[in-house]
Amino acid sequence: MKVKTMATSGIIAALYVAVTFLIAPFGFTNIQFRLSEMFNHLVIFNKKYMIGVVLGVFVSNLLFSELGPIDLVFGVGQSILALSITIFSAKFIRGLYKRMLFNTLVFTFTMFLIAWELNIVLGLPFLITWGFVAVGEFVVMLVGIPVMDALNKRLKLDRLI
């Protein structure tokens, strides 16, 4: 792995953790608005960003989650699954906005893993919890589309890493 890729991944992970810390009380329960999730859109620009995002999820869950080690499995697993689906889909979906919208829908749907985790750990009802965490994820990811587009125009994210 190139030094530039490692450094960029570290910066992304640090940004993910910092933004997660700012809203920690709203990022780990059945009603989640983890603003750092908008960084999931980075894989639209380059699949190498997945490393930094997953590392950021891992460190955030390790430091801030009250759910324990299970959150490292479910939270990181959900991110890896959704990011992988989005990266794979890039071969078939053209256009920045279409790919970000698809990514939003993938992350929204795969929140069933987080709902399952909250069902196991806290005994929350699965379907209702899935609805709540999915809505939170959808809103954050949708808001993240214009944010990431603006960042891309300024930073040229496809060439940064």
N, C-alpha and C. Protein backbone atom coordinates (compact mmCIF):
# COMPACT_ATOMS: atom_id res chain seq x y z
N MET A 1 0.85 -1.18 0.00
CA MET A 1 0.00 0.00 0.00
C MET A 1 0.89 1.24 0.00
N LYS A 2 0.56 2.19 -0.83
CA LYS A 2 1.32 3.43 -0.91
C LYS A 2 1.18 4.25 0.36
N VAL A 3 2.21 5.04 0.63
CA VAL A 3 2.20 5.92 1.80
C VAL A 3 1.05 6.92 1.69
N LYS A 4 0.81 7.43 0.49
CA LYS A 4 -0.28 8.40 0.29
C LYS A 4 -1.63 7.77 0.63
N THR A 5 -1.83 6.52 0.23
CA THR A 5 -3.08 5.82 0.54
C THR A 5 -3.22 5.61 2.03
N MET A 6 -2.14 5.21 2.69
CA MET A 6 -2.19 5.00 4.14
C MET A 6 -2.47 6.31 4.88
N ALA A 7 -1.81 7.38 4.47
CA ALA A 7 -2.01 8.67 5.13
C ALA A 7 -3.44 9.18 4.93
N THR A 8 -3.94 9.06 3.70
CA THR A 8 -5.31 9.50 3.42
C THR A 8 -6.32 8.67 4.20
N SER A 9 -6.07 7.37 4.28
CA SER A 9 -6.97 6.48 5.05
C SER A 9 -6.97 6.87 6.53
N GLY A 10 -5.80 7.20 7.04
CA GLY A 10 -5.71 7.64 8.44
C GLY A 10 -6.45 8.94 8.69
N ILE A 11 -6.36 9.86 7.76
CA ILE A 11 -7.06 11.14 7.89
C ILE A 11 -8.58 10.92 7.85
N ILE A 12 -9.02 10.08 6.93
CA ILE A 12 -10.46 9.79 6.83
C ILE A 12 -10.95 9.12 8.11
N ALA A 13 -10.19 8.16 8.61
CA ALA A 13 -10.57 7.48 9.86
C ALA A 13 -10.65 8.49 11.00
N ALA A 14 -9.67 9.38 11.09
CA ALA A 14 -9.66 10.39 12.16
C ALA A 14 -10.85 11.34 12.03
N LEU A 15 -11.18 11.75 10.81
CA LEU A 15 -12.34 12.60 10.60
C LEU A 15 -13.63 11.88 10.99
N TYR A 16 -13.74 10.62 10.61
CA TYR A 16 -14.92 9.83 10.96
C TYR A 16 -15.07 9.78 12.48
N VAL A 17 -13.98 9.49 13.18
CA VAL A 17 -14.02 9.40 14.65
C VAL A 17 -14.38 10.75 15.26
N ALA A 18 -13.77 11.83 14.76
CA ALA A 18 -14.04 13.16 15.31
C ALA A 18 -15.50 13.57 15.14
N VAL A 19 -16.05 13.33 13.96
CA VAL A 19 -17.45 13.69 13.71
C VAL A 19 -18.37 12.79 14.54
N THR A 20 -18.02 11.52 14.69
CA THR A 20 -18.82 10.61 15.52
C THR A 20 -18.80 11.08 16.97
N PHE A 21 -17.66 11.52 17.46
CA PHE A 21 -17.53 12.01 18.84
C PHE A 21 -18.44 13.20 19.09
N LEU A 22 -18.58 14.07 18.10
CA LEU A 22 -19.41 15.26 18.26
C LEU A 22 -20.87 14.93 18.52
N ILE A 23 -21.34 13.82 17.98
CA ILE A 23 -22.75 13.47 18.12
C ILE A 23 -22.91 12.10 18.79
N ALA A 24 -21.93 11.69 19.58
CA ALA A 24 -21.92 10.35 20.19
C ALA A 24 -23.24 9.94 20.83
N PRO A 25 -23.93 10.83 21.57
CA PRO A 25 -25.19 10.39 22.17
C PRO A 25 -26.27 10.01 21.15
N PHE A 26 -26.13 10.45 19.92
CA PHE A 26 -27.13 10.18 18.89
C PHE A 26 -26.64 9.18 17.86
N GLY A 27 -25.61 8.42 18.16
CA GLY A 27 -25.03 7.55 17.16
C GLY A 27 -25.02 6.08 17.49
N PHE A 28 -25.53 5.68 18.67
CA PHE A 28 -25.38 4.30 19.07
C PHE A 28 -26.65 3.67 19.65
N THR A 29 -27.76 4.32 19.52
CA THR A 29 -29.00 3.77 20.08
C THR A 29 -29.93 3.37 18.93
N ASN A 30 -31.21 3.17 19.27
CA ASN A 30 -32.17 2.79 18.23
C ASN A 30 -32.56 3.97 17.34
N ILE A 31 -32.31 5.18 17.77
CA ILE A 31 -32.52 6.36 16.93
C ILE A 31 -31.14 6.94 16.67
N GLN A 32 -30.65 6.76 15.45
CA GLN A 32 -29.28 7.13 15.14
C GLN A 32 -29.22 8.20 14.05
N PHE A 33 -28.41 9.21 14.31
CA PHE A 33 -28.08 10.21 13.31
C PHE A 33 -26.57 10.42 13.38
N ARG A 34 -25.84 9.43 12.93
CA ARG A 34 -24.39 9.48 12.96
C ARG A 34 -23.92 10.20 11.70
N LEU A 35 -23.67 11.50 11.84
CA LEU A 35 -23.31 12.34 10.71
C LEU A 35 -22.07 11.84 9.97
N SER A 36 -21.19 11.17 10.68
CA SER A 36 -19.97 10.65 10.06
C SER A 36 -20.28 9.60 8.98
N GLU A 37 -21.49 9.07 8.97
CA GLU A 37 -21.87 8.08 7.97
C GLU A 37 -21.86 8.66 6.55
N MET A 38 -21.91 9.98 6.44
CA MET A 38 -21.86 10.57 5.10
C MET A 38 -20.51 10.29 4.43
N PHE A 39 -19.48 9.96 5.22
CA PHE A 39 -18.18 9.59 4.64
C PHE A 39 -18.27 8.28 3.84
N ASN A 40 -19.35 7.53 4.03
CA ASN A 40 -19.55 6.31 3.24
C ASN A 40 -19.61 6.61 1.75
N HIS A 41 -19.98 7.82 1.40
CA HIS A 41 -20.06 8.20 -0.01
C HIS A 41 -18.67 8.32 -0.66
N LEU A 42 -17.63 8.34 0.13
CA LEU A 42 -16.29 8.47 -0.45
C LEU A 42 -15.95 7.34 -1.42
N VAL A 43 -16.49 6.14 -1.17
CA VAL A 43 -16.17 5.01 -2.06
C VAL A 43 -16.72 5.21 -3.47
N ILE A 44 -17.61 6.14 -3.63
CA ILE A 44 -18.13 6.48 -4.95
C ILE A 44 -17.00 7.07 -5.81
N PHE A 45 -16.11 7.79 -5.16
CA PHE A 45 -15.03 8.47 -5.86
C PHE A 45 -13.81 7.56 -6.07
N ASN A 46 -13.54 6.71 -5.08
CA ASN A 46 -12.42 5.77 -5.18
C ASN A 46 -12.61 4.68 -4.14
N LYS A 47 -12.53 3.43 -4.57
CA LYS A 47 -12.76 2.32 -3.67
C LYS A 47 -11.72 2.23 -2.55
N LYS A 48 -10.57 2.85 -2.72
CA LYS A 48 -9.53 2.83 -1.69
C LYS A 48 -9.97 3.55 -0.42
N TYR A 49 -10.95 4.43 -0.52
CA TYR A 49 -11.45 5.14 0.65
C TYR A 49 -12.11 4.19 1.65
N MET A 50 -12.44 3.00 1.21
CA MET A 50 -13.08 2.03 2.09
C MET A 50 -12.23 1.75 3.33
N ILE A 51 -10.94 1.72 3.17
CA ILE A 51 -10.03 1.42 4.28
C ILE A 51 -10.20 2.44 5.40
N GLY A 52 -10.17 3.72 5.06
CA GLY A 52 -10.32 4.77 6.06
C GLY A 52 -11.68 4.79 6.71
N VAL A 53 -12.71 4.56 5.92
CA VAL A 53 -14.08 4.55 6.47
C VAL A 53 -14.25 3.39 7.45
N VAL A 54 -13.83 2.19 7.05
CA VAL A 54 -13.99 1.02 7.93
C VAL A 54 -13.15 1.19 9.19
N LEU A 55 -11.95 1.71 9.04
CA LEU A 55 -11.11 1.96 10.22
C LEU A 55 -11.78 2.98 11.14
N GLY A 56 -12.38 4.00 10.57
CA GLY A 56 -13.10 5.01 11.35
C GLY A 56 -14.28 4.42 12.11
N VAL A 57 -15.03 3.54 11.46
CA VAL A 57 -16.16 2.86 12.11
C VAL A 57 -15.64 2.00 13.27
N PHE A 58 -14.58 1.24 13.01
CA PHE A 58 -14.01 0.36 14.03
C PHE A 58 -13.57 1.17 15.26
N VAL A 59 -12.79 2.21 15.05
CA VAL A 59 -12.28 3.01 16.17
C VAL A 59 -13.43 3.72 16.90
N SER A 60 -14.39 4.25 16.15
CA SER A 60 -15.53 4.92 16.78
C SER A 60 -16.33 3.96 17.66
N ASN A 61 -16.60 2.77 17.13
CA ASN A 61 -17.36 1.79 17.91
C ASN A 61 -16.56 1.31 19.11
N LEU A 62 -15.26 1.19 18.95
CA LEU A 62 -14.40 0.77 20.05
C LEU A 62 -14.38 1.81 21.16
N LEU A 63 -14.30 3.09 20.79
CA LEU A 63 -14.17 4.16 21.78
C LEU A 63 -15.49 4.61 22.39
N PHE A 64 -16.55 4.66 21.60
CA PHE A 64 -17.77 5.33 22.04
C PHE A 64 -18.98 4.44 22.27
N SER A 65 -18.99 3.25 21.73
CA SER A 65 -20.17 2.41 21.84
C SER A 65 -20.28 1.78 23.22
N GLU A 66 -21.47 1.83 23.74
CA GLU A 66 -21.76 1.20 25.03
C GLU A 66 -22.26 -0.24 24.84
N LEU A 67 -22.34 -0.69 23.61
CA LEU A 67 -22.86 -2.02 23.32
C LEU A 67 -21.81 -3.11 23.48
N GLY A 68 -20.57 -2.72 23.57
CA GLY A 68 -19.50 -3.70 23.78
C GLY A 68 -18.92 -4.23 22.48
N PRO A 69 -18.14 -5.31 22.60
CA PRO A 69 -17.43 -5.86 21.43
C PRO A 69 -18.35 -6.29 20.29
N ILE A 70 -19.58 -6.61 20.59
CA ILE A 70 -20.51 -7.03 19.53
C ILE A 70 -20.70 -5.92 18.50
N ASP A 71 -20.54 -4.67 18.94
CA ASP A 71 -20.70 -3.54 18.02
C ASP A 71 -19.55 -3.49 17.01
N LEU A 72 -18.42 -4.04 17.38
CA LEU A 72 -17.30 -4.12 16.43
C LEU A 72 -17.63 -5.11 15.32
N VAL A 73 -18.34 -6.17 15.66
CA VAL A 73 -18.72 -7.18 14.67
C VAL A 73 -19.84 -6.67 13.77
N PHE A 74 -20.94 -6.23 14.38
CA PHE A 74 -22.10 -5.82 13.60
C PHE A 74 -21.89 -4.49 12.89
N GLY A 75 -21.36 -3.50 13.60
CA GLY A 75 -21.17 -2.18 13.00
C GLY A 75 -20.17 -2.18 11.87
N VAL A 76 -19.02 -2.80 12.13
CA VAL A 76 -17.99 -2.89 11.09
C VAL A 76 -18.46 -3.80 9.96
N GLY A 77 -19.10 -4.90 10.32
CA GLY A 77 -19.62 -5.82 9.31
C GLY A 77 -20.63 -5.17 8.39
N GLN A 78 -21.52 -4.38 8.95
CA GLN A 78 -22.52 -3.68 8.14
C GLN A 78 -21.84 -2.71 7.18
N SER A 79 -20.84 -2.01 7.66
CA SER A 79 -20.12 -1.07 6.79
C SER A 79 -19.39 -1.79 5.67
N ILE A 80 -18.70 -2.88 6.01
CA ILE A 80 -17.98 -3.64 4.99
C ILE A 80 -18.94 -4.19 3.93
N LEU A 81 -20.06 -4.73 4.38
CA LEU A 81 -21.06 -5.27 3.44
C LEU A 81 -21.59 -4.19 2.51
N ALA A 82 -22.05 -3.08 3.08
CA ALA A 82 -22.66 -2.02 2.27
C ALA A 82 -21.63 -1.37 1.34
N LEU A 83 -20.44 -1.10 1.84
CA LEU A 83 -19.41 -0.50 1.00
C LEU A 83 -19.02 -1.44 -0.14
N SER A 84 -18.93 -2.72 0.16
CA SER A 84 -18.58 -3.71 -0.88
C SER A 84 -19.64 -3.77 -1.97
N ILE A 85 -20.90 -3.75 -1.58
CA ILE A 85 -21.99 -3.76 -2.56
C ILE A 85 -21.91 -2.51 -3.44
N THR A 86 -21.66 -1.37 -2.82
CA THR A 86 -21.57 -0.12 -3.58
C THR A 86 -20.38 -0.14 -4.54
N ILE A 87 -19.25 -0.62 -4.07
CA ILE A 87 -18.06 -0.70 -4.94
C ILE A 87 -18.34 -1.63 -6.12
N PHE A 88 -18.94 -2.78 -5.85
CA PHE A 88 -19.27 -3.72 -6.92
C PHE A 88 -20.24 -3.11 -7.93
N SER A 89 -21.20 -2.35 -7.44
CA SER A 89 -22.23 -1.78 -8.31
C SER A 89 -21.69 -0.70 -9.25
N ALA A 90 -20.51 -0.17 -8.95
CA ALA A 90 -19.95 0.92 -9.76
C ALA A 90 -19.78 0.50 -11.21
N LYS A 91 -19.64 -0.80 -11.45
CA LYS A 91 -19.50 -1.31 -12.82
C LYS A 91 -20.79 -1.15 -13.62
N PHE A 92 -21.90 -1.04 -12.91
CA PHE A 92 -23.21 -1.07 -13.56
C PHE A 92 -23.98 0.25 -13.48
N ILE A 93 -23.59 1.11 -12.56
CA ILE A 93 -24.33 2.36 -12.36
C ILE A 93 -23.43 3.53 -12.76
N ARG A 94 -23.90 4.32 -13.68
CA ARG A 94 -23.13 5.48 -14.16
C ARG A 94 -23.74 6.75 -13.59
N GLY A 95 -22.90 7.69 -13.34
CA GLY A 95 -23.35 8.99 -12.85
C GLY A 95 -23.16 9.11 -11.35
N LEU A 96 -22.55 10.19 -10.95
CA LEU A 96 -22.23 10.43 -9.55
C LEU A 96 -23.45 10.38 -8.64
N TYR A 97 -24.50 11.11 -9.02
CA TYR A 97 -25.68 11.17 -8.17
C TYR A 97 -26.42 9.83 -8.11
N LYS A 98 -26.47 9.12 -9.21
CA LYS A 98 -27.12 7.81 -9.20
C LYS A 98 -26.37 6.85 -8.28
N ARG A 99 -25.05 6.89 -8.33
CA ARG A 99 -24.25 6.01 -7.48
C ARG A 99 -24.39 6.39 -6.00
N MET A 100 -24.44 7.69 -5.71
CA MET A 100 -24.61 8.10 -4.31
C MET A 100 -26.01 7.76 -3.81
N LEU A 101 -27.00 7.90 -4.65
CA LEU A 101 -28.35 7.51 -4.25
C LEU A 101 -28.42 6.00 -4.02
N PHE A 102 -27.81 5.23 -4.90
CA PHE A 102 -27.76 3.77 -4.70
C PHE A 102 -27.05 3.45 -3.39
N ASN A 103 -25.94 4.10 -3.12
CA ASN A 103 -25.19 3.89 -1.88
C ASN A 103 -26.07 4.21 -0.67
N THR A 104 -26.83 5.28 -0.75
CA THR A 104 -27.76 5.65 0.32
C THR A 104 -28.76 4.54 0.57
N LEU A 105 -29.32 3.99 -0.49
CA LEU A 105 -30.31 2.92 -0.35
C LEU A 105 -29.68 1.63 0.19
N VAL A 106 -28.47 1.33 -0.24
CA VAL A 106 -27.78 0.13 0.26
C VAL A 106 -27.53 0.27 1.77
N PHE A 107 -27.02 1.40 2.19
CA PHE A 107 -26.76 1.60 3.62
C PHE A 107 -28.06 1.60 4.42
N THR A 108 -29.09 2.19 3.87
CA THR A 108 -30.39 2.19 4.55
C THR A 108 -30.90 0.77 4.74
N PHE A 109 -30.87 -0.02 3.68
CA PHE A 109 -31.36 -1.40 3.76
C PHE A 109 -30.52 -2.24 4.72
N THR A 110 -29.20 -2.14 4.64
CA THR A 110 -28.34 -3.01 5.45
C THR A 110 -28.34 -2.64 6.93
N MET A 111 -29.07 -1.62 7.29
CA MET A 111 -29.21 -1.29 8.72
C MET A 111 -29.97 -2.38 9.46
N PHE A 112 -30.49 -3.37 8.74
CA PHE A 112 -31.11 -4.52 9.42
C PHE A 112 -30.09 -5.20 10.33
N LEU A 113 -28.81 -5.14 9.97
CA LEU A 113 -27.77 -5.74 10.82
C LEU A 113 -27.64 -4.99 12.15
N ILE A 114 -27.76 -3.68 12.09
CA ILE A 114 -27.69 -2.87 13.32
C ILE A 114 -28.95 -3.12 14.16
N ALA A 115 -30.09 -3.23 13.50
CA ALA A 115 -31.33 -3.54 14.21
C ALA A 115 -31.25 -4.90 14.88
N TRP A 116 -30.66 -5.85 14.19
CA TRP A 116 -30.48 -7.19 14.75
C TRP A 116 -29.57 -7.13 15.99
N GLU A 117 -28.50 -6.36 15.87
CA GLU A 117 -27.59 -6.19 17.01
C GLU A 117 -28.32 -5.58 18.20
N LEU A 118 -29.09 -4.53 17.96
CA LEU A 118 -29.83 -3.87 19.06
C LEU A 118 -30.90 -4.79 19.63
N ASN A 119 -31.44 -5.66 18.80
CA ASN A 119 -32.38 -6.67 19.28
C ASN A 119 -31.68 -7.66 20.21
N ILE A 120 -30.50 -8.12 19.82
CA ILE A 120 -29.75 -9.08 20.63
C ILE A 120 -29.29 -8.46 21.95
N VAL A 121 -28.70 -7.27 21.88
CA VAL A 121 -28.07 -6.66 23.06
C VAL A 121 -29.08 -6.00 23.99
N LEU A 122 -30.02 -5.25 23.40
CA LEU A 122 -30.94 -4.46 24.22
C LEU A 122 -32.37 -5.00 24.24
N GLY A 123 -32.63 -6.02 23.44
CA GLY A 123 -33.96 -6.60 23.40
C GLY A 123 -34.99 -5.72 22.69
N LEU A 124 -34.53 -4.80 21.86
CA LEU A 124 -35.45 -3.92 21.14
C LEU A 124 -36.14 -4.70 20.03
N PRO A 125 -37.39 -4.36 19.73
CA PRO A 125 -38.12 -5.09 18.67
C PRO A 125 -37.45 -4.85 17.31
N PHE A 126 -37.18 -5.94 16.61
CA PHE A 126 -36.38 -5.89 15.38
C PHE A 126 -36.95 -4.96 14.32
N LEU A 127 -38.18 -5.16 13.89
CA LEU A 127 -38.73 -4.39 12.77
C LEU A 127 -38.84 -2.90 13.07
N ILE A 128 -39.31 -2.57 14.25
CA ILE A 128 -39.43 -1.16 14.62
C ILE A 128 -38.05 -0.52 14.70
N THR A 129 -37.11 -1.23 15.29
CA THR A 129 -35.74 -0.73 15.41
C THR A 129 -35.12 -0.55 14.03
N TRP A 130 -35.34 -1.52 13.14
CA TRP A 130 -34.83 -1.40 11.78
C TRP A 130 -35.39 -0.15 11.12
N GLY A 131 -36.67 0.09 11.31
CA GLY A 131 -37.28 1.30 10.75
C GLY A 131 -36.62 2.57 11.25
N PHE A 132 -36.39 2.64 12.56
CA PHE A 132 -35.78 3.83 13.14
C PHE A 132 -34.34 4.04 12.66
N VAL A 133 -33.52 2.99 12.73
CA VAL A 133 -32.11 3.16 12.32
C VAL A 133 -32.00 3.38 10.81
N ALA A 134 -32.90 2.77 10.05
CA ALA A 134 -32.89 2.97 8.60
C ALA A 134 -33.25 4.40 8.23
N VAL A 135 -34.23 4.98 8.89
CA VAL A 135 -34.62 6.36 8.62
C VAL A 135 -33.46 7.30 8.96
N GLY A 136 -32.83 7.10 10.10
CA GLY A 136 -31.69 7.93 10.48
C GLY A 136 -30.56 7.84 9.47
N GLU A 137 -30.26 6.62 9.04
CA GLU A 137 -29.20 6.41 8.05
C GLU A 137 -29.56 7.06 6.72
N PHE A 138 -30.81 6.91 6.31
CA PHE A 138 -31.27 7.48 5.04
C PHE A 138 -31.11 9.00 5.04
N VAL A 139 -31.53 9.64 6.13
CA VAL A 139 -31.46 11.09 6.22
C VAL A 139 -30.01 11.57 6.17
N VAL A 140 -29.15 10.94 6.96
CA VAL A 140 -27.73 11.34 7.00
C VAL A 140 -27.07 11.13 5.63
N MET A 141 -27.33 9.98 5.02
CA MET A 141 -26.71 9.69 3.73
C MET A 141 -27.26 10.62 2.63
N LEU A 142 -28.54 10.94 2.70
CA LEU A 142 -29.14 11.86 1.72
C LEU A 142 -28.55 13.26 1.87
N VAL A 143 -28.42 13.72 3.10
CA VAL A 143 -27.80 15.03 3.37
C VAL A 143 -26.34 15.00 2.92
N GLY A 144 -25.71 13.84 3.03
CA GLY A 144 -24.31 13.71 2.65
C GLY A 144 -24.04 13.83 1.16
N ILE A 145 -25.05 13.62 0.33
CA ILE A 145 -24.86 13.68 -1.12
C ILE A 145 -24.37 15.07 -1.56
N PRO A 146 -25.08 16.15 -1.23
CA PRO A 146 -24.57 17.46 -1.67
C PRO A 146 -23.28 17.86 -0.94
N VAL A 147 -23.10 17.39 0.28
CA VAL A 147 -21.87 17.70 1.02
C VAL A 147 -20.67 17.06 0.32
N MET A 148 -20.79 15.78 -0.02
CA MET A 148 -19.69 15.09 -0.70
C MET A 148 -19.47 15.64 -2.11
N ASP A 149 -20.54 16.04 -2.77
CA ASP A 149 -20.40 16.63 -4.10
C ASP A 149 -19.62 17.95 -4.00
N ALA A 150 -19.94 18.76 -3.01
CA ALA A 150 -19.21 20.02 -2.81
C ALA A 150 -17.74 19.77 -2.46
N LEU A 151 -17.49 18.80 -1.60
CA LEU A 151 -16.11 18.45 -1.27
C LEU A 151 -15.36 17.96 -2.50
N ASN A 152 -16.03 17.18 -3.32
CA ASN A 152 -15.40 16.67 -4.53
C ASN A 152 -15.03 17.80 -5.49
N LYS A 153 -15.88 18.78 -5.62
CA LYS A 153 -15.59 19.90 -6.50
C LYS A 153 -14.36 20.67 -6.01
N ARG A 154 -14.20 20.72 -4.70
CA ARG A 154 -13.07 21.45 -4.12
C ARG A 154 -11.79 20.61 -4.08
N LEU A 155 -11.92 19.31 -3.72
CA LEU A 155 -10.75 18.48 -3.46
C LEU A 155 -10.41 17.47 -4.57
N LYS A 156 -11.32 17.29 -5.51
CA LYS A 156 -11.13 16.28 -6.57
C LYS A 156 -10.87 14.92 -5.93
N LEU A 157 -11.87 14.40 -5.23
CA LEU A 157 -11.75 13.19 -4.43
C LEU A 157 -11.31 11.97 -5.23
N ASP A 158 -11.64 11.93 -6.51
CA ASP A 158 -11.26 10.77 -7.31
C ASP A 158 -9.75 10.71 -7.56
N ARG A 159 -9.05 11.84 -7.41
CA ARG A 159 -7.62 11.89 -7.65
C ARG A 159 -6.80 12.07 -6.38
N LEU A 160 -7.46 12.19 -5.26
CA LEU A 160 -6.79 12.51 -4.00
C LEU A 160 -6.00 11.34 -3.43
N ILE A 161 -6.46 10.15 -3.66
CA ILE A 161 -5.82 8.98 -3.05
C ILE A 161 -5.08 8.13 -4.09
